[in-house]
Protein backbone atom coordinates (compact mmCIF):
# COMPACT_ATOMS: atom_id res chain seq x y z
CA MET A 1 87.03 160.77 114.55
CA LYS A 2 84.69 159.58 112.08
CA ASP A 3 87.26 159.69 109.19
CA ASP A 4 89.81 157.77 111.21
CA GLU A 5 87.11 154.91 112.22
CA LYS A 6 86.13 154.94 108.30
CA MET A 7 89.97 154.37 107.41
CA ASP A 8 90.25 151.98 109.88
CA GLN A 9 87.19 149.74 108.67
CA LYS A 10 88.79 150.65 104.96
CA LYS A 11 91.81 148.93 105.83
CA LYS A 12 90.69 146.40 108.01
CA GLY A 13 88.32 145.57 104.90
CA TYR A 14 91.54 145.42 102.64
CA GLU A 15 93.35 143.08 105.08
CA GLU A 16 90.43 140.62 104.78
CA GLU A 17 90.32 140.61 101.32
CA GLU A 18 93.84 140.06 101.15
CA THR A 19 93.86 137.31 103.44
CA GLU A 20 90.62 135.26 101.99
CA GLU A 21 92.71 135.75 98.45
CA GLU A 22 95.99 134.34 100.09
CA GLU A 23 93.88 131.59 101.40
CA LYS A 24 92.37 130.83 98.20
CA GLU A 25 95.61 130.81 96.82
CA GLU A 26 97.01 128.55 99.41
CA GLU A 27 94.23 126.19 98.81
CA GLU A 28 94.59 126.24 94.92
CA GLU A 29 98.37 125.40 95.52
CA GLU A 30 97.71 122.30 97.96
CA GLU A 31 95.46 120.94 95.46
CA GLU A 32 97.84 121.23 92.65
CA GLU A 33 100.40 119.44 94.82
CA GLU A 34 98.05 116.55 95.71
CA GLU A 35 96.89 116.36 92.04
CA GLU A 36 100.80 115.99 91.27
CA GLU A 37 101.58 113.76 94.04
CA GLU A 38 98.38 111.36 92.84
CA GLU A 39 99.62 111.78 89.13
CA GLU A 40 103.38 110.70 90.03
CA GLU A 41 101.88 107.91 92.08
CA GLU A 42 99.88 106.61 88.99
CA GLU A 43 103.24 106.80 86.79
CA GLU A 44 105.01 105.12 89.36
CA GLU A 45 102.32 102.08 89.67
CA GLU A 46 102.36 101.91 85.79
CA GLU A 47 105.81 101.62 85.66
CA GLU A 48 105.76 99.00 88.23
CA GLU A 49 103.21 97.03 86.27
CA GLU A 50 105.34 97.36 82.98
CA GLU A 51 108.38 96.01 84.85
CA GLU A 52 106.60 93.08 86.18
CA LYS A 53 105.12 92.24 82.81
CA GLU A 54 108.15 92.41 81.01
CA GLU A 55 109.93 90.01 83.76
CA GLU A 56 106.81 87.58 83.22
CA GLU A 57 107.72 87.88 79.39
CA GLU A 58 111.44 87.32 80.11
CA GLU A 59 110.63 84.27 82.12
CA GLU A 60 108.19 82.93 79.67
CA GLU A 61 111.04 83.03 77.04
CA GLU A 62 113.44 81.52 79.18
CA GLU A 63 110.98 78.61 79.85
CA ARG A 64 110.49 78.25 75.86
CA VAL A 65 113.86 78.35 75.01
CA GLY A 66 114.81 75.75 78.00
CA VAL A 67 111.90 73.37 76.29
CA GLU A 68 113.22 73.99 72.94
CA GLU A 69 116.70 72.98 74.05
CA LYS A 70 115.69 70.15 75.68
CA GLU A 71 113.68 69.08 72.64
CA GLU A 72 116.73 69.62 70.45
CA GLU A 73 118.74 67.37 72.99
CA GLU A 74 116.22 64.62 72.52
CA VAL A 75 116.31 64.91 68.94
CA ILE A 76 120.46 64.55 68.76
CA TYR A 77 120.81 62.08 71.80
CA PRO A 78 117.57 60.12 72.17
CA THR A 79 117.04 59.09 75.77
CA PRO A 80 117.11 55.12 76.15
CA GLN A 81 113.88 53.83 76.93
């Protein structure tokens, strides 16, 4: 009987160790997934900011071109005063 009890205790001990290791692995995997999600979110935010900046630059360029064209028209065709 004592041998059986010792075997059972050893078996339980191994099972507990395996469970703890599995839990640690799961926690590490979850942390890695969270980090990856955060990195993806940051990248998306950076891309959005870059797109907004490009749009603003395009709008500014269009305004500048529009003003330059208007100035050229005034030089060619002065508005009556």
